[in-house]
Amino acid sequence: MEGQYSIGSETILDPAPSEKKDRVYLWLTGESAQAIYDAMPGRPRKTACEPRAREKTAGGLTCFKPAKGEVVCSVAITLDRGRTAAGMVC
């Protein structure tokens, strides 16, 4: 499995310094991300992020497939309750 993680707050981009860091953000790449994308039910949807890209979502899990390049899946998990939340922005 390939990917990255970070600990952050609810605001993904430019959070206020006072915002509580209450979630872990996970980004998966490589074969594992492709396998998750392929296993997710439903048809891929167009995304506003990139005209020819497609994405699949389930709760806080989003898998993004660019027109060229590899799939990236992301999810945030709250550290207090273990609930999923969105983990990706354009």
N, C-alpha and C. Protein backbone atom coordinates (compact mmCIF):
# COMPACT_ATOMS: atom_id res chain seq x y z
N MET A 1 0.85 -1.16 0.00
CA MET A 1 0.00 0.00 0.00
C MET A 1 0.90 1.23 0.00
N GLU A 2 0.53 2.18 -0.82
CA GLU A 2 1.28 3.43 -0.93
C GLU A 2 0.38 4.59 -0.54
N GLY A 3 0.96 5.63 0.01
CA GLY A 3 0.17 6.80 0.33
C GLY A 3 0.84 7.71 1.32
N GLN A 4 0.04 8.64 1.82
CA GLN A 4 0.51 9.62 2.78
C GLN A 4 -0.59 9.88 3.80
N TYR A 5 -0.22 10.51 4.89
CA TYR A 5 -1.21 10.91 5.88
C TYR A 5 -0.79 12.25 6.48
N SER A 6 -1.75 12.90 7.09
CA SER A 6 -1.44 14.09 7.89
C SER A 6 -2.52 14.22 8.97
N ILE A 7 -2.17 14.91 10.03
CA ILE A 7 -3.12 15.23 11.10
C ILE A 7 -3.54 16.67 10.87
N GLY A 8 -4.84 16.92 10.84
CA GLY A 8 -5.30 18.27 10.57
C GLY A 8 -6.64 18.57 11.20
N SER A 9 -7.19 19.68 10.78
CA SER A 9 -8.47 20.15 11.32
C SER A 9 -9.56 20.01 10.26
N GLU A 10 -10.76 20.41 10.61
CA GLU A 10 -11.89 20.28 9.70
C GLU A 10 -11.67 21.06 8.41
N THR A 11 -11.07 22.23 8.48
CA THR A 11 -10.79 23.02 7.30
C THR A 11 -9.54 22.46 6.64
N ILE A 12 -9.68 21.95 5.44
CA ILE A 12 -8.56 21.27 4.77
C ILE A 12 -7.51 22.28 4.30
N LEU A 13 -7.96 23.35 3.67
CA LEU A 13 -7.03 24.35 3.15
C LEU A 13 -7.02 25.59 4.04
N ASP A 14 -5.85 26.01 4.45
CA ASP A 14 -5.66 27.23 5.23
C ASP A 14 -6.52 27.32 6.49
N PRO A 15 -6.43 26.33 7.39
CA PRO A 15 -7.20 26.43 8.62
C PRO A 15 -6.67 27.54 9.52
N ALA A 16 -7.54 28.07 10.34
CA ALA A 16 -7.12 29.07 11.32
C ALA A 16 -6.18 28.40 12.34
N PRO A 17 -5.18 29.12 12.83
CA PRO A 17 -4.25 28.54 13.80
C PRO A 17 -4.95 27.99 15.05
N SER A 18 -6.09 28.55 15.39
CA SER A 18 -6.80 28.11 16.59
C SER A 18 -7.67 26.87 16.37
N GLU A 19 -7.80 26.44 15.12
CA GLU A 19 -8.67 25.30 14.82
C GLU A 19 -8.06 24.00 15.35
N LYS A 20 -8.88 23.22 16.02
CA LYS A 20 -8.44 21.97 16.65
C LYS A 20 -8.05 20.93 15.60
N LYS A 21 -6.89 20.33 15.76
CA LYS A 21 -6.46 19.24 14.87
C LYS A 21 -7.11 17.96 15.38
N ASP A 22 -8.21 17.58 14.72
CA ASP A 22 -9.04 16.49 15.25
C ASP A 22 -9.27 15.34 14.28
N ARG A 23 -8.47 15.27 13.21
CA ARG A 23 -8.68 14.19 12.25
C ARG A 23 -7.38 13.81 11.55
N VAL A 24 -7.37 12.59 11.07
CA VAL A 24 -6.24 12.12 10.27
C VAL A 24 -6.73 12.06 8.82
N TYR A 25 -5.94 12.61 7.93
CA TYR A 25 -6.22 12.57 6.50
C TYR A 25 -5.36 11.48 5.87
N LEU A 26 -5.98 10.61 5.11
CA LEU A 26 -5.27 9.53 4.44
C LEU A 26 -5.43 9.68 2.93
N TRP A 27 -4.32 9.55 2.21
CA TRP A 27 -4.33 9.57 0.75
C TRP A 27 -3.65 8.30 0.28
N LEU A 28 -4.37 7.49 -0.46
CA LEU A 28 -3.83 6.23 -0.99
C LEU A 28 -3.58 6.37 -2.47
N THR A 29 -2.49 5.77 -2.93
CA THR A 29 -2.13 5.82 -4.35
C THR A 29 -1.72 4.41 -4.79
N GLY A 30 -1.35 4.29 -6.04
CA GLY A 30 -0.85 3.02 -6.55
C GLY A 30 -1.93 1.97 -6.74
N GLU A 31 -1.50 0.71 -6.66
CA GLU A 31 -2.40 -0.41 -6.90
C GLU A 31 -3.57 -0.45 -5.91
N SER A 32 -3.32 -0.09 -4.66
CA SER A 32 -4.40 -0.14 -3.67
C SER A 32 -5.50 0.87 -4.01
N ALA A 33 -5.13 2.06 -4.43
CA ALA A 33 -6.14 3.07 -4.81
C ALA A 33 -6.93 2.61 -6.03
N GLN A 34 -6.25 2.04 -7.00
CA GLN A 34 -6.93 1.54 -8.19
C GLN A 34 -7.90 0.42 -7.83
N ALA A 35 -7.49 -0.48 -6.95
CA ALA A 35 -8.35 -1.58 -6.52
C ALA A 35 -9.59 -1.07 -5.79
N ILE A 36 -9.42 -0.06 -4.94
CA ILE A 36 -10.56 0.53 -4.22
C ILE A 36 -11.50 1.18 -5.21
N TYR A 37 -10.96 1.97 -6.14
CA TYR A 37 -11.78 2.64 -7.17
C TYR A 37 -12.58 1.61 -7.95
N ASP A 38 -11.93 0.54 -8.38
CA ASP A 38 -12.60 -0.49 -9.17
C ASP A 38 -13.68 -1.20 -8.36
N ALA A 39 -13.47 -1.38 -7.05
CA ALA A 39 -14.41 -2.10 -6.21
C ALA A 39 -15.61 -1.26 -5.76
N MET A 40 -15.47 0.05 -5.82
CA MET A 40 -16.56 0.93 -5.38
C MET A 40 -17.74 0.78 -6.33
N PRO A 41 -18.95 0.57 -5.79
CA PRO A 41 -20.11 0.45 -6.66
C PRO A 41 -20.48 1.79 -7.30
N GLY A 42 -21.26 1.70 -8.32
CA GLY A 42 -21.74 2.91 -8.98
C GLY A 42 -20.84 3.33 -10.13
N ARG A 43 -21.39 4.19 -10.93
CA ARG A 43 -20.65 4.70 -12.08
C ARG A 43 -19.82 5.91 -11.68
N PRO A 44 -18.67 6.08 -12.30
CA PRO A 44 -17.86 7.27 -12.05
C PRO A 44 -18.61 8.53 -12.50
N ARG A 45 -18.42 9.61 -11.76
CA ARG A 45 -19.05 10.89 -12.10
C ARG A 45 -18.00 11.88 -12.58
N LYS A 46 -18.46 12.82 -13.39
CA LYS A 46 -17.58 13.93 -13.76
C LYS A 46 -17.29 14.71 -12.50
N THR A 47 -16.16 15.38 -12.48
CA THR A 47 -15.78 16.18 -11.33
C THR A 47 -15.47 17.61 -11.77
N ALA A 48 -15.74 18.55 -10.91
CA ALA A 48 -15.47 19.96 -11.21
C ALA A 48 -13.97 20.25 -11.16
N CYS A 49 -13.19 19.34 -10.59
CA CYS A 49 -11.76 19.58 -10.42
C CYS A 49 -10.99 19.58 -11.74
N GLU A 50 -11.41 18.74 -12.64
CA GLU A 50 -10.69 18.56 -13.90
C GLU A 50 -11.70 18.06 -14.93
N PRO A 51 -11.82 18.69 -16.09
CA PRO A 51 -12.89 18.37 -17.04
C PRO A 51 -12.97 16.89 -17.45
N ARG A 52 -11.85 16.22 -17.66
CA ARG A 52 -11.89 14.84 -18.14
C ARG A 52 -11.68 13.81 -17.03
N ALA A 53 -11.56 14.27 -15.80
CA ALA A 53 -11.36 13.37 -14.66
C ALA A 53 -12.70 12.78 -14.22
N ARG A 54 -12.63 11.68 -13.47
CA ARG A 54 -13.82 11.03 -12.93
C ARG A 54 -13.57 10.74 -11.45
N GLU A 55 -14.66 10.60 -10.70
CA GLU A 55 -14.53 10.25 -9.30
C GLU A 55 -15.67 9.35 -8.87
N LYS A 56 -15.39 8.60 -7.80
CA LYS A 56 -16.42 7.82 -7.13
C LYS A 56 -16.35 8.20 -5.66
N THR A 57 -17.52 8.28 -5.02
CA THR A 57 -17.55 8.64 -3.61
C THR A 57 -18.46 7.69 -2.84
N ALA A 58 -18.13 7.50 -1.57
CA ALA A 58 -18.95 6.73 -0.65
C ALA A 58 -18.70 7.33 0.73
N GLY A 59 -19.66 8.07 1.25
CA GLY A 59 -19.44 8.76 2.53
C GLY A 59 -18.29 9.73 2.39
N GLY A 60 -17.30 9.63 3.28
CA GLY A 60 -16.14 10.50 3.22
C GLY A 60 -15.05 10.01 2.29
N LEU A 61 -15.20 8.80 1.73
CA LEU A 61 -14.19 8.24 0.84
C LEU A 61 -14.41 8.74 -0.58
N THR A 62 -13.37 9.32 -1.17
CA THR A 62 -13.41 9.77 -2.55
C THR A 62 -12.22 9.20 -3.29
N CYS A 63 -12.49 8.62 -4.46
CA CYS A 63 -11.40 8.17 -5.33
C CYS A 63 -11.48 9.00 -6.61
N PHE A 64 -10.37 9.63 -6.93
CA PHE A 64 -10.26 10.57 -8.04
C PHE A 64 -9.38 9.96 -9.11
N LYS A 65 -9.92 9.87 -10.33
CA LYS A 65 -9.17 9.29 -11.45
C LYS A 65 -8.96 10.39 -12.50
N PRO A 66 -7.74 10.92 -12.58
CA PRO A 66 -7.48 11.97 -13.58
C PRO A 66 -7.48 11.38 -14.99
N ALA A 67 -7.60 12.24 -15.98
CA ALA A 67 -7.57 11.78 -17.38
C ALA A 67 -6.26 11.06 -17.66
N LYS A 68 -5.18 11.55 -17.10
CA LYS A 68 -3.87 10.91 -17.22
C LYS A 68 -3.27 10.81 -15.83
N GLY A 69 -2.69 9.70 -15.50
CA GLY A 69 -2.09 9.53 -14.19
C GLY A 69 -2.83 8.49 -13.37
N GLU A 70 -2.43 8.37 -12.13
CA GLU A 70 -2.97 7.31 -11.30
C GLU A 70 -4.09 7.79 -10.38
N VAL A 71 -4.90 6.85 -9.97
CA VAL A 71 -6.02 7.11 -9.06
C VAL A 71 -5.48 7.50 -7.68
N VAL A 72 -6.16 8.43 -7.03
CA VAL A 72 -5.87 8.82 -5.65
C VAL A 72 -7.17 8.69 -4.87
N CYS A 73 -7.12 7.97 -3.75
CA CYS A 73 -8.28 7.86 -2.87
C CYS A 73 -7.96 8.60 -1.59
N SER A 74 -8.95 9.29 -1.05
CA SER A 74 -8.72 10.03 0.19
C SER A 74 -9.92 9.92 1.10
N VAL A 75 -9.62 10.01 2.38
CA VAL A 75 -10.65 10.00 3.42
C VAL A 75 -10.05 10.66 4.65
N ALA A 76 -10.89 11.31 5.42
CA ALA A 76 -10.49 11.81 6.72
C ALA A 76 -11.23 10.98 7.77
N ILE A 77 -10.57 10.73 8.87
CA ILE A 77 -11.18 9.99 9.97
C ILE A 77 -11.04 10.85 11.22
N THR A 78 -12.18 11.14 11.86
CA THR A 78 -12.13 11.95 13.07
C THR A 78 -11.49 11.14 14.19
N LEU A 79 -10.62 11.79 14.94
CA LEU A 79 -9.86 11.09 15.97
C LEU A 79 -10.66 10.82 17.24
N ASP A 80 -11.74 11.56 17.45
CA ASP A 80 -12.52 11.33 18.67
C ASP A 80 -13.56 10.23 18.53
N ARG A 81 -14.15 10.08 17.34
CA ARG A 81 -15.22 9.10 17.15
C ARG A 81 -14.96 8.10 16.03
N GLY A 82 -13.91 8.31 15.28
CA GLY A 82 -13.59 7.39 14.19
C GLY A 82 -14.56 7.46 13.03
N ARG A 83 -15.21 8.57 12.85
CA ARG A 83 -16.15 8.75 11.74
C ARG A 83 -15.41 9.27 10.51
N THR A 84 -15.91 8.90 9.34
CA THR A 84 -15.27 9.40 8.13
C THR A 84 -15.81 10.77 7.77
N ALA A 85 -14.96 11.53 7.10
CA ALA A 85 -15.30 12.87 6.63
C ALA A 85 -14.54 13.07 5.31
N ALA A 86 -14.93 14.07 4.56
CA ALA A 86 -14.26 14.36 3.30
C ALA A 86 -12.78 14.65 3.55
N GLY A 87 -11.95 14.13 2.65
CA GLY A 87 -10.51 14.31 2.81
C GLY A 87 -9.83 14.88 1.59
N MET A 88 -10.61 15.42 0.65
CA MET A 88 -10.01 15.91 -0.59
C MET A 88 -10.75 17.16 -1.06
N VAL A 89 -9.99 18.09 -1.59
CA VAL A 89 -10.53 19.25 -2.28
C VAL A 89 -9.80 19.36 -3.61
N CYS A 90 -10.36 20.12 -4.53
CA CYS A 90 -9.69 20.29 -5.83
C CYS A 90 -8.35 20.96 -5.65
